N, C-alpha and C. Protein backbone atom coordinates (compact mmCIF):
# COMPACT_ATOMS: atom_id res chain seq x y z
N MET A 1 83.17 116.58 132.71
CA MET A 1 82.23 115.60 133.11
C MET A 1 81.66 114.94 132.12
N PHE A 2 80.67 116.08 131.22
CA PHE A 2 79.97 115.28 130.14
C PHE A 2 80.59 115.07 129.10
N GLY A 3 81.90 115.16 128.89
CA GLY A 3 82.78 114.70 127.85
C GLY A 3 83.12 113.28 128.04
N LEU A 4 82.78 112.60 128.98
CA LEU A 4 83.53 111.17 129.38
C LEU A 4 83.09 110.55 128.42
N PHE A 5 81.47 110.65 127.85
CA PHE A 5 81.41 109.58 126.89
C PHE A 5 81.23 110.15 125.34
N LYS A 6 82.27 111.05 125.36
CA LYS A 6 82.02 111.27 123.67
C LYS A 6 83.24 110.39 123.17
N LYS A 7 82.81 110.18 121.97
CA LYS A 7 83.53 109.16 121.56
C LYS A 7 84.77 110.14 120.75
N ASN A 8 85.93 109.52 120.15
CA ASN A 8 86.77 110.35 119.80
C ASN A 8 86.71 110.16 118.17
N PRO A 9 86.82 111.00 117.78
CA PRO A 9 86.50 110.99 116.08
C PRO A 9 87.70 110.80 115.59
N THR A 10 88.88 110.87 115.96
CA THR A 10 90.15 110.26 115.24
C THR A 10 90.17 108.99 115.33
N LYS A 11 89.70 108.00 116.06
CA LYS A 11 90.09 106.85 116.46
C LYS A 11 89.92 106.20 115.49
N LYS A 12 88.94 106.16 114.65
CA LYS A 12 88.37 105.13 113.11
C LYS A 12 89.59 105.93 112.15
N LEU A 13 89.91 106.97 112.03
CA LEU A 13 90.80 107.16 111.05
C LEU A 13 92.45 107.08 111.62
N ARG A 14 93.17 106.93 112.78
CA ARG A 14 93.77 106.27 112.98
C ARG A 14 94.05 104.79 112.91
N LYS A 15 93.29 103.93 112.97
CA LYS A 15 93.10 102.68 112.62
C LYS A 15 93.53 102.43 111.32
N GLU A 16 92.43 103.31 110.44
CA GLU A 16 92.70 103.34 108.94
C GLU A 16 94.51 103.46 108.59
N LEU A 17 94.53 104.97 109.18
CA LEU A 17 96.30 105.26 108.83
C LEU A 17 96.88 104.12 109.33
N GLN A 18 96.59 103.45 110.19
CA GLN A 18 97.99 102.09 110.45
C GLN A 18 97.48 101.00 109.71
N SER A 19 96.24 101.09 109.15
CA SER A 19 96.03 99.64 107.93
C SER A 19 96.88 100.71 107.10
N LEU A 20 96.85 101.57 106.20
CA LEU A 20 97.47 102.11 105.11
C LEU A 20 98.87 101.92 105.09
N GLN A 21 99.52 102.20 106.64
CA GLN A 21 100.93 102.17 106.58
C GLN A 21 101.28 100.88 106.49
N GLU A 22 100.73 100.35 107.30
CA GLU A 22 100.83 98.57 106.98
C GLU A 22 100.94 97.99 105.34
N LYS A 23 99.90 98.53 104.88
CA LYS A 23 99.89 97.82 103.29
C LYS A 23 100.85 98.51 102.39
N SER A 24 101.34 99.63 102.66
CA SER A 24 102.46 100.68 102.09
C SER A 24 104.26 99.57 102.33
N MET A 25 104.30 99.07 103.57
CA MET A 25 105.24 98.61 104.04
C MET A 25 105.33 97.37 103.33
N ASN A 26 103.96 96.28 103.08
CA ASN A 26 104.28 95.01 102.24
C ASN A 26 104.54 95.22 101.53
N LEU A 27 104.00 96.22 100.56
CA LEU A 27 103.92 96.28 99.26
C LEU A 27 105.70 96.64 98.56
N GLN A 28 105.85 97.65 99.60
CA GLN A 28 107.35 98.21 98.90
C GLN A 28 108.33 96.87 99.51
N ARG A 29 107.94 96.07 100.69
CA ARG A 29 108.97 94.64 100.65
C ARG A 29 109.07 93.76 99.39
N ASN A 30 107.60 93.70 98.87
CA ASN A 30 107.47 92.78 97.79
C ASN A 30 108.19 93.43 96.48
N GLY A 31 108.89 94.74 96.40
CA GLY A 31 109.35 95.50 95.47
C GLY A 31 108.38 96.20 94.55
N ASP A 32 107.35 96.46 94.92
CA ASP A 32 106.10 97.28 94.20
C ASP A 32 106.34 98.70 95.10
N ILE A 33 107.20 99.55 94.54
CA ILE A 33 107.22 100.70 94.86
C ILE A 33 106.33 101.63 94.11
N ARG A 34 106.14 101.61 93.02
CA ARG A 34 105.14 102.38 92.81
C ARG A 34 103.52 102.22 93.62
N GLY A 35 103.09 101.15 93.80
CA GLY A 35 102.31 101.04 94.64
C GLY A 35 102.10 101.11 95.98
N SER A 36 103.52 101.32 96.67
CA SER A 36 103.93 101.66 98.23
C SER A 36 103.56 102.99 98.14
N SER A 37 104.08 104.03 97.27
CA SER A 37 104.42 105.26 97.35
C SER A 37 102.66 105.85 96.96
N MET A 38 101.76 105.15 96.21
CA MET A 38 100.47 105.58 96.28
C MET A 38 100.07 105.76 97.37
N ILE A 39 100.28 104.63 97.80
CA ILE A 39 99.57 104.07 99.55
C ILE A 39 100.11 104.91 100.56
N SER A 40 101.48 105.32 100.31
CA SER A 40 102.15 106.20 101.17
C SER A 40 101.41 107.87 101.18
N GLN A 41 101.17 107.93 100.11
CA GLN A 41 100.41 109.13 99.84
C GLN A 41 99.34 109.68 100.41
N GLU A 42 98.24 108.60 100.44
CA GLU A 42 97.03 108.46 101.22
C GLU A 42 96.92 108.77 102.69
N ALA A 43 97.99 107.71 103.10
CA ALA A 43 98.09 108.02 104.27
C ALA A 43 99.06 109.21 104.89
N ASP A 44 99.80 110.18 104.36
CA ASP A 44 100.23 111.20 104.38
C ASP A 44 98.83 112.04 104.44
N GLU A 45 98.03 112.24 103.42
CA GLU A 45 96.36 112.81 103.27
C GLU A 45 95.95 112.46 104.66
N LEU A 46 95.50 111.45 104.88
CA LEU A 46 95.00 110.94 106.02
C LEU A 46 95.30 111.72 107.37
N TRP A 47 96.77 111.35 107.59
CA TRP A 47 97.41 112.02 108.44
C TRP A 47 97.12 113.44 108.64
N LYS A 48 97.15 114.58 107.74
CA LYS A 48 96.90 115.90 107.87
C LYS A 48 95.49 115.86 108.39
N LYS A 49 94.61 115.09 107.72
CA LYS A 49 93.26 115.26 108.20
C LYS A 49 93.09 115.22 109.63
N ILE A 50 93.48 113.83 110.17
CA ILE A 50 94.05 113.86 111.35
C ILE A 50 94.25 115.12 112.50
N GLN A 51 95.32 115.73 112.01
CA GLN A 51 96.19 116.86 112.42
C GLN A 51 94.83 118.10 112.58
N GLN A 52 94.48 117.95 111.59
CA GLN A 52 93.32 119.37 111.33
C GLN A 52 92.17 118.95 112.26
N ILE A 53 91.78 117.81 112.71
CA ILE A 53 90.68 117.66 113.69
C ILE A 53 90.92 117.63 114.79
N GLU A 54 92.49 117.44 115.12
CA GLU A 54 92.82 117.49 116.85
C GLU A 54 93.40 118.76 116.84
N ALA A 55 93.52 119.54 115.90
CA ALA A 55 93.73 121.22 116.24
C ALA A 55 92.50 121.91 116.26
N SER A 56 91.29 121.37 115.78
CA SER A 56 90.04 121.82 116.20
C SER A 56 89.41 121.83 117.09
N GLN A 57 89.94 120.40 117.64
CA GLN A 57 89.80 119.99 119.08
C GLN A 57 89.58 121.07 120.49
N ASN A 58 91.38 121.35 119.73
CA ASN A 58 92.19 121.45 120.98
C ASN A 58 91.65 123.08 121.22
N ASN A 59 91.14 123.63 119.88
CA ASN A 59 90.85 125.03 119.92
C ASN A 59 89.89 125.57 120.87
N LYS A 60 88.63 124.26 120.89
CA LYS A 60 87.50 124.64 121.60
C LYS A 60 87.70 125.05 123.27
């Protein structure tokens, strides 16, 4: 009951992840493969961070 008003800490990170994925997709469509792969790598690191946060929440 008291967790009802808690904010989801991964909500903002997921929004940022979606933005990075869209940016990567657009770069790839425009032919900038190197830029796309750099952005994609950032997105992968962010995804790992999200998974770690969610795993630590589930262990509580």
